[in-house]
């Protein structure tokens, strides 16, 4: 299924995010555009707050999402240096890749 421009992607995303958050999931809505991401979050903020799920939902741009993912894996420079020196992944790097 494809939702075309102006056919309600923001509504589907906001509603889906609210539903998943109500079910206890953390939700990250990722967009290429900061403007669209900010606009959509502001449009649904009152709903998220009324459902008390605003702490479970984050809207962001794809660059900050990828940076956050990389950061969770650890210090990439240190992990790479350890791999080059030892030829194996450290225990912390192995856990991060699971």
PDB file of N, CA and C in Angstrom:
ATOM      1  N   UNK A   1       0.842  -1.174   0.000  1.00  0.00           N
ATOM      2  CA  UNK A   1       0.000   0.000   0.000  1.00  0.00           C
ATOM      3  C   UNK A   1       0.886   1.235   0.000  1.00  0.00           C
ATOM      4  N   UNK A   2       0.507   2.213  -0.762  1.00  0.00           N
ATOM      5  CA  UNK A   2       1.241   3.467  -0.803  1.00  0.00           C
ATOM      6  C   UNK A   2       0.301   4.597  -0.424  1.00  0.00           C
ATOM      7  N   UNK A   3       0.763   5.425   0.489  1.00  0.00           N
ATOM      8  CA  UNK A   3      -0.013   6.611   0.854  1.00  0.00           C
ATOM      9  C   UNK A   3       0.654   7.784   0.154  1.00  0.00           C
ATOM     10  N   UNK A   4      -0.056   8.405  -0.728  1.00  0.00           N
ATOM     11  CA  UNK A   4       0.504   9.499  -1.528  1.00  0.00           C
ATOM     12  C   UNK A   4       0.462  10.821  -0.761  1.00  0.00           C
ATOM     13  N   UNK A   5       1.106  11.816  -1.333  1.00  0.00           N
ATOM     14  CA  UNK A   5       1.142  13.146  -0.745  1.00  0.00           C
ATOM     15  C   UNK A   5      -0.278  13.642  -0.465  1.00  0.00           C
ATOM     16  N   UNK A   6      -0.477  14.087   0.764  1.00  0.00           N
ATOM     17  CA  UNK A   6      -1.768  14.642   1.146  1.00  0.00           C
ATOM     18  C   UNK A   6      -2.837  13.627   1.502  1.00  0.00           C
ATOM     19  N   UNK A   7      -2.475  12.346   1.538  1.00  0.00           N
ATOM     20  CA  UNK A   7      -3.472  11.313   1.823  1.00  0.00           C
ATOM     21  C   UNK A   7      -3.449  10.819   3.269  1.00  0.00           C
ATOM     22  N   UNK A   8      -2.624  11.417   4.117  1.00  0.00           N
ATOM     23  CA  UNK A   8      -2.720  11.090   5.532  1.00  0.00           C
ATOM     24  C   UNK A   8      -1.589  10.297   6.157  1.00  0.00           C
ATOM     25  N   UNK A   9      -0.383  10.375   5.604  1.00  0.00           N
ATOM     26  CA  UNK A   9       0.753   9.662   6.221  1.00  0.00           C
ATOM     27  C   UNK A   9       0.970  10.123   7.655  1.00  0.00           C
ATOM     28  N   UNK A  10       0.877  11.425   7.877  1.00  0.00           N
ATOM     29  CA  UNK A  10       1.104  11.963   9.224  1.00  0.00           C
ATOM     30  C   UNK A  10       0.076  11.433  10.210  1.00  0.00           C
ATOM     31  N   UNK A  11      -1.164  11.328   9.776  1.00  0.00           N
ATOM     32  CA  UNK A  11      -2.229  10.821  10.647  1.00  0.00           C
ATOM     33  C   UNK A  11      -2.013   9.339  10.941  1.00  0.00           C
ATOM     34  N   UNK A  12      -1.668   8.579   9.908  1.00  0.00           N
ATOM     35  CA  UNK A  12      -1.407   7.146  10.109  1.00  0.00           C
ATOM     36  C   UNK A  12      -0.230   6.946  11.056  1.00  0.00           C
ATOM     37  N   UNK A  13       0.811   7.743  10.883  1.00  0.00           N
ATOM     38  CA  UNK A  13       1.997   7.620  11.729  1.00  0.00           C
ATOM     39  C   UNK A  13       1.694   8.033  13.169  1.00  0.00           C
ATOM     40  N   UNK A  14       1.016   9.150  13.344  1.00  0.00           N
ATOM     41  CA  UNK A  14       0.674   9.608  14.690  1.00  0.00           C
ATOM     42  C   UNK A  14      -0.243   8.639  15.414  1.00  0.00           C
ATOM     43  N   UNK A  15      -1.245   8.142  14.709  1.00  0.00           N
ATOM     44  CA  UNK A  15      -2.161   7.168  15.313  1.00  0.00           C
ATOM     45  C   UNK A  15      -1.470   5.861  15.641  1.00  0.00           C
ATOM     46  N   UNK A  16      -0.635   5.402  14.726  1.00  0.00           N
ATOM     47  CA  UNK A  16       0.120   4.169  14.972  1.00  0.00           C
ATOM     48  C   UNK A  16       1.086   4.319  16.130  1.00  0.00           C
ATOM     49  N   UNK A  17       1.741   5.481  16.194  1.00  0.00           N
ATOM     50  CA  UNK A  17       2.672   5.741  17.294  1.00  0.00           C
ATOM     51  C   UNK A  17       1.935   5.725  18.630  1.00  0.00           C
ATOM     52  N   UNK A  18       0.773   6.366  18.675  1.00  0.00           N
ATOM     53  CA  UNK A  18      -0.013   6.393  19.914  1.00  0.00           C
ATOM     54  C   UNK A  18      -0.436   4.989  20.325  1.00  0.00           C
ATOM     55  N   UNK A  19      -0.894   4.203  19.371  1.00  0.00           N
ATOM     56  CA  UNK A  19      -1.325   2.835  19.671  1.00  0.00           C
ATOM     57  C   UNK A  19      -0.166   1.992  20.200  1.00  0.00           C
ATOM     58  N   UNK A  20       0.966   2.044  19.515  1.00  0.00           N
ATOM     59  CA  UNK A  20       2.127   1.267  19.973  1.00  0.00           C
ATOM     60  C   UNK A  20       2.588   1.717  21.358  1.00  0.00           C
ATOM     61  N   UNK A  21       2.559   3.029  21.599  1.00  0.00           N
ATOM     62  CA  UNK A  21       2.954   3.542  22.914  1.00  0.00           C
ATOM     63  C   UNK A  21       1.981   3.075  23.994  1.00  0.00           C
ATOM     64  N   UNK A  22       0.695   3.047  23.682  1.00  0.00           N
ATOM     65  CA  UNK A  22      -0.296   2.545  24.642  1.00  0.00           C
ATOM     66  C   UNK A  22      -0.062   1.077  24.977  1.00  0.00           C
ATOM     67  N   UNK A  23       0.489   0.343  24.026  1.00  0.00           N
ATOM     68  CA  UNK A  23       0.793  -1.071  24.249  1.00  0.00           C
ATOM     69  C   UNK A  23       2.127  -1.269  24.974  1.00  0.00           C
ATOM     70  N   UNK A  24       2.778  -0.144  25.328  1.00  0.00           N
ATOM     71  CA  UNK A  24       3.999  -0.218  26.117  1.00  0.00           C
ATOM     72  C   UNK A  24       5.291  -0.126  25.338  1.00  0.00           C
ATOM     73  N   UNK A  25       5.205   0.101  24.039  1.00  0.00           N
ATOM     74  CA  UNK A  25       6.412   0.195  23.217  1.00  0.00           C
ATOM     75  C   UNK A  25       6.957   1.616  23.210  1.00  0.00           C
ATOM     76  N   UNK A  26       8.271   1.719  23.047  1.00  0.00           N
ATOM     77  CA  UNK A  26       8.879   3.014  22.750  1.00  0.00           C
ATOM     78  C   UNK A  26       8.813   3.172  21.240  1.00  0.00           C
ATOM     79  N   UNK A  27       8.474   4.363  20.783  1.00  0.00           N
ATOM     80  CA  UNK A  27       8.267   4.597  19.355  1.00  0.00           C
ATOM     81  C   UNK A  27       9.169   5.723  18.884  1.00  0.00           C
ATOM     82  N   UNK A  28       9.836   5.499  17.765  1.00  0.00           N
ATOM     83  CA  UNK A  28      10.666   6.534  17.148  1.00  0.00           C
ATOM     84  C   UNK A  28      10.157   6.747  15.732  1.00  0.00           C
ATOM     85  N   UNK A  29       9.622   7.915  15.465  1.00  0.00           N
ATOM     86  CA  UNK A  29       9.133   8.275  14.133  1.00  0.00           C
ATOM     87  C   UNK A  29      10.240   9.059  13.442  1.00  0.00           C
ATOM     88  N   UNK A  30      10.725   8.533  12.344  1.00  0.00           N
ATOM     89  CA  UNK A  30      11.890   9.104  11.674  1.00  0.00           C
ATOM     90  C   UNK A  30      11.485   9.662  10.315  1.00  0.00           C
ATOM     91  N   UNK A  31      11.962  10.859  10.020  1.00  0.00           N
ATOM     92  CA  UNK A  31      11.652  11.539   8.764  1.00  0.00           C
ATOM     93  C   UNK A  31      12.926  12.182   8.224  1.00  0.00           C
ATOM     94  N   UNK A  32      12.970  12.403   6.936  1.00  0.00           N
ATOM     95  CA  UNK A  32      14.130  13.062   6.331  1.00  0.00           C
ATOM     96  C   UNK A  32      14.126  14.559   6.607  1.00  0.00           C
ATOM     97  N   UNK A  33      12.962  15.119   6.928  1.00  0.00           N
ATOM     98  CA  UNK A  33      12.803  16.566   7.057  1.00  0.00           C
ATOM     99  C   UNK A  33      12.541  16.973   8.505  1.00  0.00           C
ATOM    100  N   UNK A  34      13.386  17.854   9.028  1.00  0.00           N
ATOM    101  CA  UNK A  34      13.178  18.367  10.384  1.00  0.00           C
ATOM    102  C   UNK A  34      11.856  19.133  10.461  1.00  0.00           C
ATOM    103  N   UNK A  35      11.567  19.896   9.432  1.00  0.00           N
ATOM    104  CA  UNK A  35      10.316  20.657   9.403  1.00  0.00           C
ATOM    105  C   UNK A  35       9.108  19.728   9.553  1.00  0.00           C
ATOM    106  N   UNK A  36       9.066  18.665   8.745  1.00  0.00           N
ATOM    107  CA  UNK A  36       7.929  17.741   8.797  1.00  0.00           C
ATOM    108  C   UNK A  36       7.873  16.991  10.125  1.00  0.00           C
ATOM    109  N   UNK A  37       9.027  16.599  10.623  1.00  0.00           N
ATOM    110  CA  UNK A  37       9.081  15.887  11.896  1.00  0.00           C
ATOM    111  C   UNK A  37       8.550  16.766  13.033  1.00  0.00           C
ATOM    112  N   UNK A  38       9.027  18.000  13.089  1.00  0.00           N
ATOM    113  CA  UNK A  38       8.565  18.937  14.122  1.00  0.00           C
ATOM    114  C   UNK A  38       7.073  19.236  13.968  1.00  0.00           C
ATOM    115  N   UNK A  39       6.644  19.455  12.733  1.00  0.00           N
ATOM    116  CA  UNK A  39       5.236  19.760  12.470  1.00  0.00           C
ATOM    117  C   UNK A  39       4.330  18.622  12.937  1.00  0.00           C
ATOM    118  N   UNK A  40       4.717  17.403  12.585  1.00  0.00           N
ATOM    119  CA  UNK A  40       3.878  16.257  12.928  1.00  0.00           C
ATOM    120  C   UNK A  40       3.836  16.011  14.434  1.00  0.00           C
ATOM    121  N   UNK A  41       4.981  16.157  15.102  1.00  0.00           N
ATOM    122  CA  UNK A  41       4.974  15.971  16.554  1.00  0.00           C
ATOM    123  C   UNK A  41       4.081  17.013  17.224  1.00  0.00           C
ATOM    124  N   UNK A  42       4.200  18.260  16.791  1.00  0.00           N
ATOM    125  CA  UNK A  42       3.372  19.322  17.374  1.00  0.00           C
ATOM    126  C   UNK A  42       1.890  19.058  17.127  1.00  0.00           C
ATOM    127  N   UNK A  43       1.572  18.517  15.958  1.00  0.00           N
ATOM    128  CA  UNK A  43       0.173  18.244  15.627  1.00  0.00           C
ATOM    129  C   UNK A  43      -0.432  17.175  16.535  1.00  0.00           C
ATOM    130  N   UNK A  44       0.382  16.252  17.009  1.00  0.00           N
ATOM    131  CA  UNK A  44      -0.120  15.141  17.816  1.00  0.00           C
ATOM    132  C   UNK A  44       0.235  15.242  19.297  1.00  0.00           C
ATOM    133  N   UNK A  45       0.943  16.280  19.677  1.00  0.00           N
ATOM    134  CA  UNK A  45       1.383  16.408  21.071  1.00  0.00           C
ATOM    135  C   UNK A  45       0.213  16.329  22.050  1.00  0.00           C
ATOM    136  N   UNK A  46      -0.862  17.036  21.768  1.00  0.00           N
ATOM    137  CA  UNK A  46      -2.020  17.030  22.685  1.00  0.00           C
ATOM    138  C   UNK A  46      -2.595  15.620  22.835  1.00  0.00           C
ATOM    139  N   UNK A  47      -2.662  14.867  21.744  1.00  0.00           N
ATOM    140  CA  UNK A  47      -3.153  13.485  21.820  1.00  0.00           C
ATOM    141  C   UNK A  47      -2.216  12.629  22.654  1.00  0.00           C
ATOM    142  N   UNK A  48      -0.916  12.741  22.381  1.00  0.00           N
ATOM    143  CA  UNK A  48       0.061  11.946  23.129  1.00  0.00           C
ATOM    144  C   UNK A  48      -0.013  12.259  24.621  1.00  0.00           C
ATOM    145  N   UNK A  49      -0.176  13.548  24.949  1.00  0.00           N
ATOM    146  CA  UNK A  49      -0.280  13.946  26.356  1.00  0.00           C
ATOM    147  C   UNK A  49      -1.591  13.456  26.977  1.00  0.00           C
ATOM    148  N   UNK A  50      -2.681  13.543  26.237  1.00  0.00           N
ATOM    149  CA  UNK A  50      -3.977  13.075  26.754  1.00  0.00           C
ATOM    150  C   UNK A  50      -3.944  11.577  27.051  1.00  0.00           C
ATOM    151  N   UNK A  51      -3.185  10.835  26.254  1.00  0.00           N
ATOM    152  CA  UNK A  51      -3.052   9.394  26.460  1.00  0.00           C
ATOM    153  C   UNK A  51      -1.908   9.044  27.417  1.00  0.00           C
ATOM    154  N   UNK A  52      -1.182  10.079  27.877  1.00  0.00           N
ATOM    155  CA  UNK A  52      -0.039   9.915  28.787  1.00  0.00           C
ATOM    156  C   UNK A  52       1.037   9.007  28.193  1.00  0.00           C
ATOM    157  N   UNK A  53       1.309   9.182  26.899  1.00  0.00           N
ATOM    158  CA  UNK A  53       2.339   8.372  26.234  1.00  0.00           C
ATOM    159  C   UNK A  53       3.442   9.237  25.620  1.00  0.00           C
ATOM    160  N   UNK A  54       3.424  10.544  25.884  1.00  0.00           N
ATOM    161  CA  UNK A  54       4.389  11.443  25.252  1.00  0.00           C
ATOM    162  C   UNK A  54       5.833  11.060  25.573  1.00  0.00           C
ATOM    163  N   UNK A  55       6.066  10.435  26.719  1.00  0.00           N
ATOM    164  CA  UNK A  55       7.421  10.034  27.097  1.00  0.00           C
ATOM    165  C   UNK A  55       7.894   8.808  26.308  1.00  0.00           C
ATOM    166  N   UNK A  56       6.999   8.132  25.632  1.00  0.00           N
ATOM    167  CA  UNK A  56       7.349   6.933  24.861  1.00  0.00           C
ATOM    168  C   UNK A  56       7.542   7.214  23.375  1.00  0.00           C
ATOM    169  N   UNK A  57       7.225   8.430  22.922  1.00  0.00           N
ATOM    170  CA  UNK A  57       7.242   8.736  21.492  1.00  0.00           C
ATOM    171  C   UNK A  57       8.251   9.835  21.200  1.00  0.00           C
ATOM    172  N   UNK A  58       9.115   9.575  20.228  1.00  0.00           N
ATOM    173  CA  UNK A  58      10.112  10.548  19.789  1.00  0.00           C
ATOM    174  C   UNK A  58       9.990  10.701  18.279  1.00  0.00           C
ATOM    175  N   UNK A  59       9.944  11.935  17.832  1.00  0.00           N
ATOM    176  CA  UNK A  59      10.008  12.248  16.406  1.00  0.00           C
ATOM    177  C   UNK A  59      11.395  12.819  16.146  1.00  0.00           C
ATOM    178  N   UNK A  60      12.053  12.370  15.086  1.00  0.00           N
ATOM    179  CA  UNK A  60      13.380  12.889  14.772  1.00  0.00           C
ATOM    180  C   UNK A  60      13.666  12.758  13.286  1.00  0.00           C
ATOM    181  N   UNK A  61      14.790  13.332  12.887  1.00  0.00           N
ATOM    182  CA  UNK A  61      15.246  13.183  11.501  1.00  0.00           C
ATOM    183  C   UNK A  61      16.170  11.980  11.417  1.00  0.00           C
ATOM    184  N   UNK A  62      16.330  11.466  10.228  1.00  0.00           N
ATOM    185  CA  UNK A  62      17.074  10.224  10.046  1.00  0.00           C
ATOM    186  C   UNK A  62      18.534  10.352  10.491  1.00  0.00           C
ATOM    187  N   UNK A  63      19.128  11.537  10.332  1.00  0.00           N
ATOM    188  CA  UNK A  63      20.531  11.681  10.737  1.00  0.00           C
ATOM    189  C   UNK A  63      20.693  11.526  12.243  1.00  0.00           C
ATOM    190  N   UNK A  64      19.797  12.116  13.025  1.00  0.00           N
ATOM    191  CA  UNK A  64      19.933  11.969  14.484  1.00  0.00           C
ATOM    192  C   UNK A  64      19.621  10.544  14.911  1.00  0.00           C
ATOM    193  N   UNK A  65      18.720   9.878  14.199  1.00  0.00           N
ATOM    194  CA  UNK A  65      18.418   8.477  14.502  1.00  0.00           C
ATOM    195  C   UNK A  65      19.646   7.604  14.273  1.00  0.00           C
ATOM    196  N   UNK A  66      20.308   7.766  13.144  1.00  0.00           N
ATOM    197  CA  UNK A  66      21.483   6.941  12.859  1.00  0.00           C
ATOM    198  C   UNK A  66      22.625   7.261  13.817  1.00  0.00           C
ATOM    199  N   UNK A  67      22.772   8.527  14.194  1.00  0.00           N
ATOM    200  CA  UNK A  67      23.803   8.891  15.169  1.00  0.00           C
ATOM    201  C   UNK A  67      23.515   8.251  16.524  1.00  0.00           C
ATOM    202  N   UNK A  68      22.270   8.256  16.936  1.00  0.00           N
ATOM    203  CA  UNK A  68      21.896   7.638  18.213  1.00  0.00           C
ATOM    204  C   UNK A  68      22.153   6.133  18.195  1.00  0.00           C
ATOM    205  N   UNK A  69      21.846   5.481  17.076  1.00  0.00           N
ATOM    206  CA  UNK A  69      22.111   4.042  16.956  1.00  0.00           C
ATOM    207  C   UNK A  69      23.602   3.751  17.070  1.00  0.00           C
ATOM    208  N   UNK A  70      24.408   4.516  16.357  1.00  0.00           N
ATOM    209  CA  UNK A  70      25.856   4.308  16.396  1.00  0.00           C
ATOM    210  C   UNK A  70      26.402   4.557  17.797  1.00  0.00           C
ATOM    211  N   UNK A  71      25.894   5.580  18.462  1.00  0.00           N
ATOM    212  CA  UNK A  71      26.356   5.917  19.809  1.00  0.00           C
ATOM    213  C   UNK A  71      26.054   4.798  20.802  1.00  0.00           C
ATOM    214  N   UNK A  72      24.908   4.143  20.645  1.00  0.00           N
ATOM    215  CA  UNK A  72      24.552   3.043  21.542  1.00  0.00           C
ATOM    216  C   UNK A  72      25.485   1.856  21.405  1.00  0.00           C
ATOM    217  N   UNK A  73      26.096   1.723  20.251  1.00  0.00           N
ATOM    218  CA  UNK A  73      27.006   0.600  20.009  1.00  0.00           C
ATOM    219  C   UNK A  73      28.343   0.808  20.719  1.00  0.00           C
ATOM    220  N   UNK A  74      28.650   2.034  21.085  1.00  0.00           N
ATOM    221  CA  UNK A  74      29.906   2.311  21.768  1.00  0.00           C
ATOM    222  C   UNK A  74      30.771   3.261  20.960  1.00  0.00           C
ATOM    223  N   UNK A  75      31.952   3.499  21.448  1.00  0.00           N
ATOM    224  CA  UNK A  75      32.907   4.390  20.791  1.00  0.00           C
ATOM    225  C   UNK A  75      33.470   3.676  19.561  1.00  0.00           C
ATOM    226  N   UNK A  76      33.052   4.097  18.377  1.00  0.00           N
ATOM    227  CA  UNK A  76      33.427   3.398  17.150  1.00  0.00           C
ATOM    228  C   UNK A  76      34.940   3.396  16.933  1.00  0.00           C
ATOM    229  N   UNK A  77      35.612   4.462  17.314  1.00  0.00           N
ATOM    230  CA  UNK A  77      37.075   4.502  17.153  1.00  0.00           C
ATOM    231  C   UNK A  77      37.753   3.455  18.035  1.00  0.00           C
ATOM    232  N   UNK A  78      37.303   3.378  19.289  1.00  0.00           N
ATOM    233  CA  UNK A  78      37.897   2.399  20.199  1.00  0.00           C
ATOM    234  C   UNK A  78      37.581   0.977  19.743  1.00  0.00           C
ATOM    235  N   UNK A  79      36.340   0.736  19.347  1.00  0.00           N
ATOM    236  CA  UNK A  79      35.964  -0.600  18.891  1.00  0.00           C
ATOM    237  C   UNK A  79      36.765  -1.015  17.662  1.00  0.00           C
ATOM    238  N   UNK A  80      36.973  -0.080  16.736  1.00  0.00           N
ATOM    239  CA  UNK A  80      37.756  -0.377  15.534  1.00  0.00           C
ATOM    240  C   UNK A  80      39.205  -0.644  15.896  1.00  0.00           C
ATOM    241  N   UNK A  81      39.779   0.167  16.768  1.00  0.00           N
ATOM    242  CA  UNK A  81      41.164  -0.031  17.192  1.00  0.00           C
ATOM    243  C   UNK A  81      41.330  -1.386  17.873  1.00  0.00           C
ATOM    244  N   UNK A  82      40.403  -1.740  18.742  1.00  0.00           N
ATOM    245  CA  UNK A  82      40.454  -3.050  19.398  1.00  0.00           C
ATOM    246  C   UNK A  82      40.386  -4.180  18.379  1.00  0.00           C
ATOM    247  N   UNK A  83      39.542  -4.039  17.382  1.00  0.00           N
ATOM    248  CA  UNK A  83      39.407  -5.063  16.347  1.00  0.00           C
ATOM    249  C   UNK A  83      40.692  -5.203  15.547  1.00  0.00           C
ATOM    250  N   UNK A  84      41.307  -4.081  15.197  1.00  0.00           N
ATOM    251  CA  UNK A  84      42.557  -4.119  14.432  1.00  0.00           C
ATOM    252  C   UNK A  84      43.678  -4.728  15.268  1.00  0.00           C
ATOM    253  N   UNK A  85      43.757  -4.349  16.529  1.00  0.00           N
ATOM    254  CA  UNK A  85      44.829  -4.847  17.398  1.00  0.00           C
ATOM    255  C   UNK A  85      44.696  -6.334  17.704  1.00  0.00           C
ATOM    256  N   UNK A  86      43.472  -6.767  17.988  1.00  0.00           N
ATOM    257  CA  UNK A  86      43.289  -8.142  18.463  1.00  0.00           C
ATOM    258  C   UNK A  86      42.772  -9.099  17.394  1.00  0.00           C
ATOM    259  N   UNK A  87      42.190  -8.551  16.347  1.00  0.00           N
ATOM    260  CA  UNK A  87      41.619  -9.399  15.309  1.00  0.00           C
ATOM    261  C   UNK A  87      40.258  -9.963  15.678  1.00  0.00           C
ATOM    262  N   UNK A  88      39.751  -9.601  16.853  1.00  0.00           N
ATOM    263  CA  UNK A  88      38.430 -10.070  17.283  1.00  0.00           C
ATOM    264  C   UNK A  88      37.661  -8.911  17.911  1.00  0.00           C
ATOM    265  N   UNK A  89      36.377  -9.095  17.987  1.00  0.00           N
ATOM    266  CA  UNK A  89      35.543  -8.104  18.655  1.00  0.00           C
ATOM    267  C   UNK A  89      35.649  -8.284  20.159  1.00  0.00           C
ATOM    268  N   UNK A  90      35.679  -7.190  20.880  1.00  0.00           N
ATOM    269  CA  UNK A  90      35.670  -7.271  22.338  1.00  0.00           C
ATOM    270  C   UNK A  90      34.307  -7.765  22.791  1.00  0.00           C
ATOM    271  N   UNK A  91      34.219  -8.183  24.024  1.00  0.00           N
ATOM    272  CA  UNK A  91      32.947  -8.679  24.563  1.00  0.00           C
ATOM    273  C   UNK A  91      31.867  -7.609  24.478  1.00  0.00           C
ATOM    274  N   UNK A  92      32.237  -6.347  24.763  1.00  0.00           N
ATOM    275  CA  UNK A  92      31.236  -5.277  24.705  1.00  0.00           C
ATOM    276  C   UNK A  92      30.772  -5.043  23.273  1.00  0.00           C
ATOM    277  N   UNK A  93      31.663  -5.170  22.316  1.00  0.00           N
ATOM    278  CA  UNK A  93      31.278  -5.005  20.913  1.00  0.00           C
ATOM    279  C   UNK A  93      30.383  -6.147  20.466  1.00  0.00           C
ATOM    280  N   UNK A  94      30.655  -7.342  20.945  1.00  0.00           N
ATOM    281  CA  UNK A  94      29.816  -8.486  20.584  1.00  0.00           C
ATOM    282  C   UNK A  94      28.407  -8.319  21.136  1.00  0.00           C
ATOM    283  N   UNK A  95      28.309  -7.828  22.384  1.00  0.00           N
ATOM    284  CA  UNK A  95      26.988  -7.597  22.975  1.00  0.00           C
ATOM    285  C   UNK A  95      26.243  -6.508  22.208  1.00  0.00           C
ATOM    286  N   UNK A  96      26.961  -5.475  21.785  1.00  0.00           N
ATOM    287  CA  UNK A  96      26.334  -4.370  21.059  1.00  0.00           C
ATOM    288  C   UNK A  96      25.791  -4.816  19.715  1.00  0.00           C
ATOM    289  N   UNK A  97      26.384  -5.834  19.132  1.00  0.00           N
ATOM    290  CA  UNK A  97      25.946  -6.317  17.819  1.00  0.00           C
ATOM    291  C   UNK A  97      24.806  -7.313  17.908  1.00  0.00           C
ATOM    292  N   UNK A  98      24.387  -7.670  19.100  1.00  0.00           N
ATOM    293  CA  UNK A  98      23.293  -8.641  19.250  1.00  0.00           C
ATOM    294  C   UNK A  98      21.959  -7.973  19.138  1.00  0.00           C
TER     295      UNK A  98
END
